[in-house]
Amino acid sequence: MQHCPHNDKPFYHFSFLKDIKINGIYYNSFSRYLSIYPFIRKEHFHDFYSIILFTNGNSTIRIKNNTYTVQPQSICLIAPNESHSFEGLEEMDGIIFFFCQDFYVEEFSFIRLLNIFSCTSQIMGSICNPCISLSDSEFSQVNGIIKSIDQEYQSYTSLNNSHVIIRSLLNIMLLRLSAFFDAQSEKPNEGDIVFIHELSRLIDSYFIKEHHIGFYTSAFNISEKLLNDICHRHFNCGLKKILIDRLMQEARKLLWSTELTISEISFKLNFEDDSYFNKVFKKQTGITPKSFRDIHKKLIP
C-alpha cells in the first residue's frame, strides 16, 4: 500500500492484489473480492482502472463524494486516483475487473482510454455519470464479453496467449461501453472527434521527441488555451499531463521488459538528465524507477 499525496485515505498499487493470475489485470466476482480484501470497503484510491458489473441486489456506491444507485445490470467505471468505497454493498454481487494502464496501452490507444473514462469526472460543467443502467440488449452484449474474458482468465498459462486475447476483449468491451455511456450523456462534438483522432496519432508519433506543448499547438495552429480546453473536456486533464503519462507508460515498459539502465532509459526518452527523469517518474508513480523495476519483476510469472 502507498499513500496518495495530499490525502490521508489509503492508496493502493496494483501489487496489493495477492491472487493475481495475469500481470496487469485482475478478474473476480464482486462478493469474493470483498471477502478476500475486506479492508477495501473503506474509502480509498488506487492506481488502476476498475469496471464493476452488478448482477444481484440493490444499493448505492460512493465515488468521489457522490452517491450512485446500483442495481442488477448497473455498470460502474472508476478511473485511477478517484476515491470510492464499497461500504453498504454486502448484498450486492457481480463481476469486478481491474486493469493497469500499461496492460491496455501495450496494444491500444492511451487517448482512447482517457476518453472512455472521462465519463467518471465532471468536466467543464457536464454531468458526471460513472454508473449507468444497461438495457437488456446492452447487458447481454457486455455480459457475453465478460464471460469470454472469464474463460480466458481461468484457462491462462504462461504458455498460451490468453493475456493477448483478454486485452482484445477488454478493448471491445470498452468500445461498447463508450457507446452506451455516450448515449446517456451529451453527444461529443464531431469536430472534436476528428481532432482527438489526429491528436492521438500525433502524440504516438512524437511523444518521445517532443515533450513541450508548443509543438502540438503549432501542429494544429491553435492556442495553448484552446488545446487544453479540448483536452479537459474529453480527458479531464491538460495536454501536459497526457504527454507525461504517455512518457511514463513507455518508461515503465522499458523498466520491466528490458535490461536497460535507468540512465539509458532516461536518454532514450529524451530527458535532459537522469535526476530529472527520476524526479518526474517518482512524482507520477510514487516510487523511483528502480523500485518500480524491483516490484514489477516479482509480479511477472
Protein backbone atom coordinates (compact mmCIF):
# COMPACT_ATOMS: atom_id res chain seq x y z
CA MET A 1 0.00 0.00 0.00
CA GLN A 2 1.14 3.53 -0.73
CA HIS A 3 -0.38 6.83 0.26
CA CYS A 4 -1.80 9.29 -2.20
CA PRO A 5 -0.13 12.69 -1.91
CA HIS A 6 -2.14 15.32 -0.03
CA ASN A 7 -4.69 12.77 1.17
CA ASP A 8 -4.88 10.65 4.29
CA LYS A 9 -7.00 7.89 2.67
CA PRO A 10 -5.31 4.61 1.69
CA PHE A 11 -3.78 4.45 -1.78
CA TYR A 12 -3.24 1.01 -3.31
CA HIS A 13 -0.82 -0.02 -6.02
CA PHE A 14 -1.87 -2.97 -8.23
CA SER A 15 0.66 -5.16 -6.40
CA PHE A 16 -1.57 -5.22 -3.27
CA LEU A 17 -3.67 -7.90 -5.03
CA LYS A 18 -2.23 -11.21 -3.86
CA ASP A 19 -4.33 -13.53 -6.07
CA ILE A 20 -3.30 -12.07 -9.45
CA LYS A 21 -3.20 -14.66 -12.23
CA ILE A 22 -2.09 -12.37 -15.06
CA ASN A 23 0.13 -9.36 -14.51
CA GLY A 24 -1.73 -6.12 -15.22
CA ILE A 25 -5.27 -7.48 -15.00
CA TYR A 26 -7.49 -8.87 -12.25
CA TYR A 27 -10.87 -10.58 -12.52
CA ASN A 28 -13.16 -11.88 -9.75
CA SER A 29 -16.72 -11.97 -8.51
CA PHE A 30 -17.54 -8.83 -6.55
CA SER A 31 -18.52 -10.74 -3.40
CA ARG A 32 -15.38 -12.89 -3.44
CA TYR A 33 -13.17 -9.84 -3.95
CA LEU A 34 -14.68 -8.14 -0.88
CA SER A 35 -14.29 -11.33 1.17
CA ILE A 36 -10.58 -11.57 0.30
CA TYR A 37 -9.93 -7.85 0.83
CA PRO A 38 -12.49 -6.69 3.44
CA PHE A 39 -10.43 -3.56 4.22
CA ILE A 40 -11.15 -2.29 0.70
CA ARG A 41 -14.73 -1.44 1.74
CA LYS A 42 -13.45 1.79 3.30
CA GLU A 43 -12.87 4.85 1.15
CA HIS A 44 -9.63 4.56 -0.80
CA PHE A 45 -7.78 5.33 -4.04
CA HIS A 46 -5.78 3.13 -6.37
CA ASP A 47 -3.59 3.43 -9.48
CA PHE A 48 -5.55 1.20 -11.88
CA TYR A 49 -8.84 1.22 -13.79
CA SER A 50 -11.97 -0.54 -12.49
CA ILE A 51 -15.09 -1.89 -14.17
CA ILE A 52 -17.85 -3.30 -11.94
CA LEU A 53 -20.89 -5.03 -13.43
CA PHE A 54 -23.62 -5.62 -10.83
CA THR A 55 -25.87 -8.65 -11.33
CA ASN A 56 -27.68 -9.00 -7.98
CA GLY A 57 -29.01 -6.72 -5.24
CA ASN A 58 -29.89 -3.05 -4.90
CA SER A 59 -27.77 -0.47 -3.13
CA THR A 60 -25.63 2.65 -3.66
CA ILE A 61 -21.95 3.14 -4.38
CA ARG A 62 -19.92 6.18 -3.37
CA ILE A 63 -17.43 7.65 -5.85
CA LYS A 64 -15.67 11.00 -5.30
CA ASN A 65 -18.12 12.10 -2.59
CA ASN A 66 -21.12 11.40 -4.84
CA THR A 67 -23.58 8.56 -4.30
CA TYR A 68 -24.97 6.49 -7.19
CA THR A 69 -27.77 3.93 -7.19
CA VAL A 70 -26.76 0.48 -8.41
CA GLN A 71 -28.97 -2.49 -9.21
CA PRO A 72 -28.83 -5.56 -11.44
CA GLN A 73 -27.45 -4.57 -14.86
CA SER A 74 -25.73 -1.45 -13.48
CA ILE A 75 -22.15 -0.92 -14.60
CA CYS A 76 -19.65 1.47 -12.98
CA LEU A 77 -16.34 2.80 -14.26
CA ILE A 78 -13.75 4.07 -11.78
CA ALA A 79 -10.60 5.79 -13.04
CA PRO A 80 -7.24 5.78 -11.20
CA ASN A 81 -6.93 8.19 -8.26
CA GLU A 82 -10.71 8.54 -7.80
CA SER A 83 -11.80 8.00 -4.21
CA HIS A 84 -14.53 5.39 -3.69
CA SER A 85 -15.86 2.96 -1.11
CA PHE A 86 -17.86 -0.27 -1.02
CA GLU A 87 -19.49 0.14 2.39
CA GLY A 88 -23.12 -0.99 2.46
CA LEU A 89 -22.79 -3.24 -0.59
CA GLU A 90 -22.90 -6.54 1.34
CA GLU A 91 -25.99 -7.76 -0.54
CA MET A 92 -24.60 -6.88 -3.97
CA ASP A 93 -22.85 -9.25 -6.34
CA GLY A 94 -21.47 -9.14 -9.82
CA ILE A 95 -18.11 -9.02 -11.56
CA ILE A 96 -15.17 -6.77 -10.76
CA PHE A 97 -12.46 -6.22 -13.34
CA PHE A 98 -9.25 -4.26 -12.80
CA PHE A 99 -6.60 -3.43 -15.35
CA CYS A 100 -3.47 -1.29 -15.43
CA GLN A 101 -2.96 1.43 -17.99
CA ASP A 102 0.19 -0.34 -19.19
CA PHE A 103 -1.71 -3.56 -19.89
CA TYR A 104 -4.17 -1.82 -22.21
CA VAL A 105 -1.76 0.65 -23.83
CA GLU A 106 0.55 -2.23 -24.82
CA GLU A 107 -1.62 -2.51 -27.96
CA PHE A 108 -4.30 0.18 -27.82
CA SER A 109 -4.57 3.96 -27.59
CA PHE A 110 -3.93 5.77 -24.32
CA ILE A 111 -6.03 8.67 -25.63
CA ARG A 112 -8.97 6.31 -26.18
CA LEU A 113 -8.65 5.05 -22.62
CA LEU A 114 -8.69 8.59 -21.22
CA ASN A 115 -11.66 9.49 -23.38
CA ILE A 116 -13.72 6.48 -22.33
CA PHE A 117 -13.12 7.05 -18.62
CA SER A 118 -13.74 10.81 -18.86
CA CYS A 119 -17.38 9.97 -18.06
CA THR A 120 -16.27 9.34 -14.49
CA SER A 121 -15.47 13.00 -13.85
CA GLN A 122 -17.43 16.22 -14.00
CA ILE A 123 -15.74 18.14 -16.78
CA MET A 124 -16.43 21.78 -17.58
CA GLY A 125 -19.94 21.62 -16.16
CA SER A 126 -21.04 18.42 -17.89
CA ILE A 127 -22.83 15.69 -15.95
CA CYS A 128 -20.66 13.16 -14.12
CA ASN A 129 -22.13 9.72 -14.74
CA PRO A 130 -19.73 6.88 -13.83
CA CYS A 131 -22.60 4.43 -13.17
CA ILE A 132 -25.33 3.66 -15.68
CA SER A 133 -28.06 1.04 -16.04
CA LEU A 134 -27.78 -1.15 -19.11
CA SER A 135 -30.75 -2.21 -21.18
CA ASP A 136 -31.33 -5.96 -21.63
CA SER A 137 -29.61 -5.82 -25.01
CA GLU A 138 -26.64 -3.81 -23.69
CA PHE A 139 -26.28 -6.09 -20.67
CA SER A 140 -26.33 -9.15 -22.93
CA GLN A 141 -23.51 -7.72 -25.05
CA VAL A 142 -21.31 -6.77 -22.09
CA ASN A 143 -22.04 -9.99 -20.18
CA GLY A 144 -21.11 -12.04 -23.23
CA ILE A 145 -17.73 -10.31 -23.46
CA ILE A 146 -17.17 -10.76 -19.72
CA LYS A 147 -17.92 -14.49 -19.97
CA SER A 148 -15.30 -14.77 -22.72
CA ILE A 149 -12.82 -12.88 -20.53
CA ASP A 150 -13.62 -15.23 -17.64
CA GLN A 151 -12.96 -18.27 -19.83
CA GLU A 152 -9.59 -16.92 -20.95
CA TYR A 153 -8.67 -15.77 -17.45
CA GLN A 154 -9.37 -19.16 -15.90
CA SER A 155 -7.51 -21.06 -18.62
CA TYR A 156 -4.45 -18.79 -18.59
CA THR A 157 -0.98 -20.34 -18.52
CA SER A 158 2.38 -18.73 -19.23
CA LEU A 159 2.49 -20.72 -22.47
CA ASN A 160 -0.77 -19.59 -24.08
CA ASN A 161 -1.97 -16.25 -25.45
CA SER A 162 -4.84 -15.67 -23.04
CA HIS A 163 -3.47 -12.31 -21.88
CA VAL A 164 -3.40 -11.07 -25.50
CA ILE A 165 -6.94 -12.34 -26.11
CA ILE A 166 -8.16 -10.72 -22.89
CA ARG A 167 -6.62 -7.40 -23.92
CA SER A 168 -8.51 -7.56 -27.22
CA LEU A 169 -11.75 -8.49 -25.43
CA LEU A 170 -11.19 -5.62 -22.98
CA ASN A 171 -10.80 -3.21 -25.89
CA ILE A 172 -14.04 -4.46 -27.45
CA MET A 173 -15.84 -4.06 -24.13
CA LEU A 174 -14.53 -0.52 -23.66
CA LEU A 175 -15.66 0.44 -27.15
CA ARG A 176 -19.13 -0.93 -26.38
CA LEU A 177 -19.25 0.88 -23.05
CA SER A 178 -18.12 4.11 -24.66
CA ALA A 179 -21.14 3.97 -26.97
CA PHE A 180 -23.50 3.14 -24.07
CA PHE A 181 -22.19 5.99 -21.90
CA ASP A 182 -22.26 8.45 -24.82
CA ALA A 183 -25.90 7.53 -25.48
CA GLN A 184 -26.80 8.56 -21.92
CA SER A 185 -24.81 11.82 -21.91
CA GLU A 186 -24.09 14.78 -24.13
CA LYS A 187 -23.12 13.91 -27.70
CA PRO A 188 -19.47 14.73 -28.46
CA ASN A 189 -18.77 17.46 -30.98
CA GLU A 190 -17.96 15.91 -34.38
CA GLY A 191 -15.07 18.32 -34.90
CA ASP A 192 -13.64 17.27 -31.54
CA ILE A 193 -13.79 13.60 -32.55
CA VAL A 194 -11.64 14.26 -35.62
CA PHE A 195 -9.30 16.41 -33.54
CA ILE A 196 -8.90 13.68 -30.88
CA HIS A 197 -8.05 11.13 -33.56
CA GLU A 198 -5.37 13.40 -35.01
CA LEU A 199 -4.02 14.33 -31.57
CA SER A 200 -3.74 10.64 -30.67
CA ARG A 201 -1.80 9.95 -33.87
CA LEU A 202 0.50 12.93 -33.28
CA ILE A 203 1.25 12.01 -29.66
CA ASP A 204 2.01 8.38 -30.53
CA SER A 205 4.41 9.57 -33.23
CA TYR A 206 6.21 12.36 -31.34
CA PHE A 207 5.75 11.93 -27.57
CA ILE A 208 9.41 10.98 -27.09
CA LYS A 209 10.93 13.63 -29.31
CA GLU A 210 8.53 16.45 -28.40
CA HIS A 211 7.85 16.95 -24.68
CA HIS A 212 6.58 20.51 -24.98
CA ILE A 213 3.05 21.71 -25.68
CA GLY A 214 4.27 24.30 -28.20
CA PHE A 215 4.98 21.63 -30.80
CA TYR A 216 1.36 20.42 -30.67
CA THR A 217 -0.21 23.88 -30.68
CA SER A 218 1.87 24.72 -33.76
CA ALA A 219 0.86 21.47 -35.46
CA PHE A 220 -2.83 22.35 -35.07
CA ASN A 221 -2.34 26.11 -35.36
CA ILE A 222 -4.38 26.78 -32.22
CA SER A 223 -3.67 28.45 -28.88
CA GLU A 224 -2.47 26.55 -25.85
CA LYS A 225 -5.66 27.54 -24.02
CA LEU A 226 -7.93 26.11 -26.71
CA LEU A 227 -5.91 22.91 -26.92
CA ASN A 228 -6.08 22.46 -23.15
CA ASP A 229 -9.81 23.27 -23.10
CA ILE A 230 -10.45 20.46 -25.58
CA CYS A 231 -8.26 18.06 -23.59
CA HIS A 232 -10.03 18.90 -20.33
CA ARG A 233 -13.43 18.46 -21.98
CA HIS A 234 -12.61 14.97 -23.20
CA PHE A 235 -9.87 13.66 -20.93
CA ASN A 236 -10.30 15.58 -17.66
CA CYS A 237 -6.68 16.78 -17.84
CA GLY A 238 -4.43 19.09 -19.84
CA LEU A 239 -2.11 18.06 -22.67
CA LYS A 240 0.99 18.30 -20.45
CA LYS A 241 -0.33 15.54 -18.20
CA ILE A 242 -1.23 13.40 -21.23
CA LEU A 243 2.31 13.74 -22.59
CA ILE A 244 3.89 12.94 -19.21
CA ASP A 245 1.59 9.94 -18.71
CA ARG A 246 2.49 8.63 -22.16
CA LEU A 247 6.20 9.05 -21.42
CA MET A 248 5.86 7.30 -18.06
CA GLN A 249 3.97 4.44 -19.69
CA GLU A 250 6.89 3.96 -22.05
CA ALA A 251 9.35 4.26 -19.15
CA ARG A 252 7.53 1.55 -17.20
CA LYS A 253 7.51 -0.72 -20.24
CA LEU A 254 11.27 -0.30 -20.68
CA LEU A 255 11.87 -0.89 -16.97
CA TRP A 256 10.10 -4.24 -16.85
CA SER A 257 10.75 -5.54 -20.37
CA THR A 258 14.41 -4.61 -20.91
CA GLU A 259 17.71 -4.65 -19.06
CA LEU A 260 18.49 -1.02 -19.98
CA THR A 261 19.94 1.02 -17.13
CA ILE A 262 17.98 3.92 -15.66
CA SER A 263 20.42 6.27 -17.35
CA GLU A 264 19.91 4.58 -20.73
CA ILE A 265 16.12 4.77 -20.39
CA SER A 266 16.33 8.45 -19.44
CA PHE A 267 18.42 9.16 -22.56
CA LYS A 268 16.15 7.05 -24.79
CA LEU A 269 13.11 9.03 -23.64
CA ASN A 270 14.84 12.36 -24.31
CA PHE A 271 15.05 13.60 -20.71
CA GLU A 272 17.67 16.26 -20.04
CA ASP A 273 19.33 14.19 -17.30
CA ASP A 274 18.84 11.17 -15.03
CA SER A 275 17.90 13.16 -11.96
CA TYR A 276 15.05 14.92 -13.75
CA PHE A 277 13.78 11.60 -15.13
CA ASN A 278 13.85 10.10 -11.63
CA LYS A 279 12.05 13.15 -10.22
CA VAL A 280 9.26 13.02 -12.84
CA PHE A 281 8.86 9.25 -12.54
CA LYS A 282 8.59 9.35 -8.74
CA LYS A 283 6.13 12.26 -8.85
CA GLN A 284 3.88 10.37 -11.28
CA THR A 285 4.07 6.88 -9.77
CA GLY A 286 5.00 7.46 -6.13
CA ILE A 287 8.12 5.29 -6.40
CA THR A 288 11.54 5.50 -8.04
CA PRO A 289 12.30 3.77 -11.36
CA LYS A 290 14.49 1.24 -9.53
CA SER A 291 11.73 0.44 -7.02
CA PHE A 292 9.22 0.03 -9.84
CA ARG A 293 11.54 -2.40 -11.63
CA ASP A 294 12.10 -4.41 -8.45
CA ILE A 295 8.35 -4.63 -7.70
CA HIS A 296 7.35 -5.43 -11.24
CA LYS A 297 9.96 -8.15 -11.76
CA LYS A 298 8.41 -10.02 -8.81
CA LEU A 299 4.95 -9.82 -10.39
CA ILE A 300 5.97 -11.30 -13.74
CA PRO A 301 5.13 -15.04 -13.83
